[in-house]
Amino acid sequence: MILKTGSKEINLMTGDNVTDYVCVCTWDPIFECVRYHYVHNSVKDPNGYVKSLNPNELIFNSGDRNGRV
């Protein structure tokens, strides 16, 4: 699905595009909530990538690349 706003087109994560991403769930101790980060499959270590961007958050799951535990 493509969202058009003015002359700008944005590909939304729907349909076949969703399989290109993995979900990494984290716990944010500051706001006490679960956060979902979607990382592209080309990243070799999705958990490490999210951890490097959000060092205060704890990795909630350590499932396989399809998000299964």
Protein backbone atom coordinates (compact mmCIF):
# COMPACT_ATOMS: atom_id res chain seq x y z
CA MET A 1 0.00 0.00 0.00
CA ILE A 2 1.31 3.43 -0.88
CA LEU A 3 0.27 6.50 1.07
CA LYS A 4 0.26 9.69 -1.00
CA THR A 5 0.52 13.02 0.75
CA GLY A 6 0.86 15.80 -1.77
CA SER A 7 3.67 14.80 -4.12
CA LYS A 8 5.28 12.45 -1.60
CA GLU A 9 4.72 8.66 -1.68
CA ILE A 10 5.35 6.47 1.36
CA ASN A 11 5.38 2.64 1.31
CA LEU A 12 3.49 1.31 4.31
CA MET A 13 4.48 -1.94 6.04
CA THR A 14 1.62 -4.02 4.71
CA GLY A 15 1.26 -7.11 2.55
CA ASP A 16 4.51 -8.57 1.20
CA ASN A 17 6.56 -5.72 2.64
CA VAL A 18 5.94 -6.92 6.22
CA THR A 19 8.01 -10.08 5.71
CA ASP A 20 11.08 -7.90 5.11
CA TYR A 21 11.15 -6.92 8.81
CA VAL A 22 11.53 -8.61 12.19
CA CYS A 23 10.00 -7.32 15.39
CA VAL A 24 12.19 -6.82 18.46
CA CYS A 25 10.20 -6.27 21.66
CA THR A 26 11.83 -4.28 24.45
CA TRP A 27 10.89 -3.15 27.94
CA ASP A 28 11.39 0.55 28.65
CA PRO A 29 12.06 0.86 32.40
CA ILE A 30 11.79 4.67 32.36
CA PHE A 31 8.23 4.76 30.99
CA GLU A 32 7.40 1.21 32.15
CA CYS A 33 6.02 0.05 28.83
CA VAL A 34 6.72 -2.43 26.04
CA ARG A 35 8.10 -1.01 22.80
CA TYR A 36 8.11 -2.69 19.40
CA HIS A 37 10.99 -2.02 17.01
CA TYR A 38 10.83 -3.23 13.41
CA VAL A 39 14.24 -4.00 11.92
CA HIS A 40 14.95 -4.92 8.30
CA ASN A 41 16.01 -8.52 7.58
CA SER A 42 19.33 -7.35 6.14
CA VAL A 43 20.54 -6.47 9.67
CA LYS A 44 22.60 -9.43 10.91
CA ASP A 45 21.90 -8.89 14.63
CA PRO A 46 18.49 -7.21 15.11
CA ASN A 47 18.65 -7.43 18.93
CA GLY A 48 22.12 -5.85 19.02
CA TYR A 49 21.03 -3.15 16.57
CA VAL A 50 18.05 -2.15 18.72
CA LYS A 51 20.17 -2.33 21.89
CA SER A 52 22.76 0.02 20.36
CA LEU A 53 20.05 2.57 19.53
CA ASN A 54 18.18 2.18 22.85
CA PRO A 55 20.73 1.22 25.53
CA ASN A 56 18.34 1.76 28.46
CA GLU A 57 15.76 -0.70 27.10
CA LEU A 58 15.82 -4.42 27.91
CA ILE A 59 15.34 -6.96 25.11
CA PHE A 60 12.01 -8.62 25.86
CA ASN A 61 12.27 -11.67 23.61
CA SER A 62 15.12 -13.59 22.06
CA GLY A 63 13.12 -15.49 19.46
CA ASP A 64 14.24 -16.39 15.96
CA ARG A 65 14.25 -13.97 13.03
CA ASN A 66 10.51 -14.49 12.51
CA GLY A 67 9.70 -13.31 16.02
CA ARG A 68 8.86 -16.78 17.33
CA VAL A 69 10.09 -17.69 20.80
